[in-house]
């Protein structure tokens, strides 16, 4: 799974509350909500935002599989 897919999965499946994702990623809550509602917007998002969301996804998955 690439970083874009991880970021989309994190937001679409709402594995954690969007407010928490916003706080952890330092991406505004409004932006996170837009990405959750329209995940295709992540395709044109800054690479750093996608990468940050992918890291949060990886962190969450590693904690869940402990």
N, C-alpha and C. Protein backbone atom coordinates (compact mmCIF):
# COMPACT_ATOMS: atom_id res chain seq x y z
N UNK A 1 0.86 -1.17 0.00
CA UNK A 1 0.00 0.00 0.00
C UNK A 1 0.91 1.24 0.00
N UNK A 2 0.65 2.17 -0.91
CA UNK A 2 1.48 3.37 -0.96
C UNK A 2 0.96 4.43 0.01
N UNK A 3 1.70 5.54 0.13
CA UNK A 3 1.35 6.57 1.11
C UNK A 3 -0.02 7.19 0.83
N UNK A 4 -0.35 7.40 -0.44
CA UNK A 4 -1.65 7.97 -0.78
C UNK A 4 -2.78 7.05 -0.32
N UNK A 5 -2.65 5.76 -0.57
CA UNK A 5 -3.67 4.80 -0.16
C UNK A 5 -3.81 4.75 1.36
N UNK A 6 -2.67 4.82 2.06
CA UNK A 6 -2.71 4.81 3.53
C UNK A 6 -3.43 6.04 4.06
N UNK A 7 -3.11 7.20 3.50
CA UNK A 7 -3.75 8.44 3.94
C UNK A 7 -5.25 8.39 3.69
N UNK A 8 -5.63 7.91 2.52
CA UNK A 8 -7.06 7.81 2.19
C UNK A 8 -7.76 6.83 3.12
N UNK A 9 -7.14 5.69 3.37
CA UNK A 9 -7.76 4.69 4.24
C UNK A 9 -7.93 5.22 5.67
N UNK A 10 -6.93 5.94 6.16
CA UNK A 10 -7.02 6.52 7.50
C UNK A 10 -8.24 7.42 7.62
N UNK A 11 -8.48 8.23 6.61
CA UNK A 11 -9.57 9.21 6.68
C UNK A 11 -10.92 8.62 6.30
N UNK A 12 -10.95 7.73 5.32
CA UNK A 12 -12.23 7.15 4.88
C UNK A 12 -12.81 6.24 5.95
N UNK A 13 -11.98 5.40 6.53
CA UNK A 13 -12.47 4.43 7.50
C UNK A 13 -12.60 5.04 8.89
N UNK A 14 -12.09 6.26 9.06
CA UNK A 14 -12.16 6.96 10.35
C UNK A 14 -11.63 6.07 11.47
N UNK A 15 -10.42 5.55 11.24
CA UNK A 15 -9.78 4.69 12.24
C UNK A 15 -9.53 5.42 13.55
N UNK A 16 -9.45 6.73 13.48
CA UNK A 16 -9.37 7.56 14.68
C UNK A 16 -10.17 8.83 14.39
N UNK A 17 -10.65 9.49 15.43
CA UNK A 17 -11.45 10.70 15.20
C UNK A 17 -10.67 11.73 14.36
N UNK A 18 -11.37 12.41 13.48
CA UNK A 18 -10.73 13.37 12.59
C UNK A 18 -10.05 14.50 13.37
N UNK A 19 -10.61 14.86 14.50
CA UNK A 19 -10.00 15.92 15.33
C UNK A 19 -8.64 15.47 15.83
N UNK A 20 -8.53 14.20 16.19
CA UNK A 20 -7.25 13.66 16.66
C UNK A 20 -6.25 13.63 15.50
N UNK A 21 -6.71 13.22 14.33
CA UNK A 21 -5.84 13.22 13.14
C UNK A 21 -5.34 14.64 12.88
N UNK A 22 -6.22 15.60 12.98
CA UNK A 22 -5.86 17.00 12.76
C UNK A 22 -4.79 17.45 13.75
N UNK A 23 -4.99 17.12 15.01
CA UNK A 23 -4.02 17.52 16.04
C UNK A 23 -2.66 16.84 15.83
N UNK A 24 -2.67 15.56 15.53
CA UNK A 24 -1.41 14.82 15.34
C UNK A 24 -0.66 15.28 14.09
N UNK A 25 -1.41 15.59 13.04
CA UNK A 25 -0.78 15.93 11.76
C UNK A 25 -0.47 17.41 11.62
N UNK A 26 -1.07 18.24 12.49
CA UNK A 26 -0.94 19.70 12.38
C UNK A 26 -1.56 20.22 11.08
N UNK A 27 -2.52 19.46 10.53
CA UNK A 27 -3.29 19.88 9.36
C UNK A 27 -4.64 20.35 9.90
N UNK A 28 -5.13 21.45 9.39
CA UNK A 28 -6.36 22.01 9.95
C UNK A 28 -7.51 20.99 9.88
N UNK A 29 -8.38 21.10 10.86
CA UNK A 29 -9.53 20.20 10.94
C UNK A 29 -10.41 20.33 9.69
N UNK A 30 -10.60 21.54 9.20
CA UNK A 30 -11.41 21.72 7.99
C UNK A 30 -10.82 20.99 6.79
N UNK A 31 -9.51 21.05 6.66
CA UNK A 31 -8.84 20.35 5.56
C UNK A 31 -8.99 18.85 5.71
N UNK A 32 -8.80 18.35 6.93
CA UNK A 32 -8.94 16.91 7.18
C UNK A 32 -10.37 16.46 6.84
N UNK A 33 -11.35 17.25 7.23
CA UNK A 33 -12.75 16.92 6.92
C UNK A 33 -12.99 16.88 5.42
N UNK A 34 -12.40 17.82 4.70
CA UNK A 34 -12.55 17.83 3.24
C UNK A 34 -11.93 16.59 2.62
N UNK A 35 -10.75 16.22 3.10
CA UNK A 35 -10.10 15.01 2.58
C UNK A 35 -10.90 13.76 2.92
N UNK A 36 -11.51 13.73 4.08
CA UNK A 36 -12.33 12.57 4.46
C UNK A 36 -13.58 12.47 3.59
N UNK A 37 -14.17 13.62 3.28
CA UNK A 37 -15.38 13.65 2.45
C UNK A 37 -15.07 13.43 0.97
N UNK A 38 -13.91 13.90 0.55
CA UNK A 38 -13.50 13.81 -0.86
C UNK A 38 -12.06 13.32 -0.94
N UNK A 39 -11.85 12.01 -0.71
CA UNK A 39 -10.48 11.48 -0.65
C UNK A 39 -9.68 11.70 -1.93
N UNK A 40 -10.37 11.91 -3.04
CA UNK A 40 -9.66 12.15 -4.30
C UNK A 40 -8.86 13.46 -4.24
N UNK A 41 -9.22 14.36 -3.34
CA UNK A 41 -8.48 15.62 -3.19
C UNK A 41 -7.06 15.38 -2.67
N UNK A 42 -6.86 14.25 -2.01
CA UNK A 42 -5.52 13.92 -1.53
C UNK A 42 -4.55 13.70 -2.68
N UNK A 43 -5.08 13.34 -3.85
CA UNK A 43 -4.23 13.11 -5.02
C UNK A 43 -3.52 14.39 -5.44
N UNK A 44 -4.12 15.54 -5.14
CA UNK A 44 -3.52 16.82 -5.52
C UNK A 44 -2.97 17.58 -4.31
N UNK A 45 -3.01 16.94 -3.16
CA UNK A 45 -2.50 17.58 -1.94
C UNK A 45 -0.98 17.59 -1.94
N UNK A 46 -0.43 18.44 -1.10
CA UNK A 46 1.03 18.50 -0.94
C UNK A 46 1.53 17.14 -0.45
N UNK A 47 2.67 16.72 -0.99
CA UNK A 47 3.24 15.42 -0.64
C UNK A 47 3.44 15.32 0.87
N UNK A 48 3.85 16.41 1.51
CA UNK A 48 4.12 16.39 2.95
C UNK A 48 2.87 16.03 3.74
N UNK A 49 1.71 16.54 3.33
CA UNK A 49 0.46 16.22 4.03
C UNK A 49 0.12 14.74 3.87
N UNK A 50 0.25 14.23 2.66
CA UNK A 50 -0.04 12.81 2.41
C UNK A 50 0.91 11.94 3.22
N UNK A 51 2.19 12.29 3.21
CA UNK A 51 3.19 11.52 3.93
C UNK A 51 2.91 11.54 5.44
N UNK A 52 2.56 12.69 5.97
CA UNK A 52 2.25 12.81 7.40
C UNK A 52 1.06 11.93 7.77
N UNK A 53 0.02 11.95 6.95
CA UNK A 53 -1.15 11.11 7.22
C UNK A 53 -0.79 9.63 7.11
N UNK A 54 0.06 9.28 6.16
CA UNK A 54 0.50 7.88 6.02
C UNK A 54 1.28 7.43 7.25
N UNK A 55 2.10 8.31 7.81
CA UNK A 55 2.85 7.96 9.03
C UNK A 55 1.90 7.72 10.20
N UNK A 56 0.86 8.53 10.30
CA UNK A 56 -0.13 8.34 11.37
C UNK A 56 -0.82 6.99 11.18
N UNK A 57 -1.15 6.66 9.94
CA UNK A 57 -1.77 5.36 9.65
C UNK A 57 -0.83 4.23 10.08
N UNK A 58 0.44 4.31 9.70
CA UNK A 58 1.41 3.27 10.07
C UNK A 58 1.54 3.13 11.58
N UNK A 59 1.57 4.26 12.26
CA UNK A 59 1.67 4.26 13.73
C UNK A 59 0.45 3.57 14.35
N UNK A 60 -0.71 3.89 13.84
CA UNK A 60 -1.95 3.31 14.36
C UNK A 60 -2.00 1.82 14.11
N UNK A 61 -1.65 1.39 12.92
CA UNK A 61 -1.66 -0.03 12.58
C UNK A 61 -0.67 -0.80 13.44
N UNK A 62 0.51 -0.22 13.64
CA UNK A 62 1.51 -0.93 14.46
C UNK A 62 1.05 -1.08 15.91
N UNK A 63 0.32 -0.07 16.42
CA UNK A 63 -0.20 -0.16 17.78
C UNK A 63 -1.33 -1.20 17.86
N UNK A 64 -2.14 -1.28 16.84
CA UNK A 64 -3.25 -2.23 16.84
C UNK A 64 -2.79 -3.68 16.70
N UNK A 65 -1.62 -3.87 16.08
CA UNK A 65 -1.14 -5.24 15.86
C UNK A 65 -0.14 -5.70 16.91
N UNK A 66 0.03 -4.92 17.96
CA UNK A 66 0.95 -5.33 19.04
C UNK A 66 0.39 -6.50 19.80
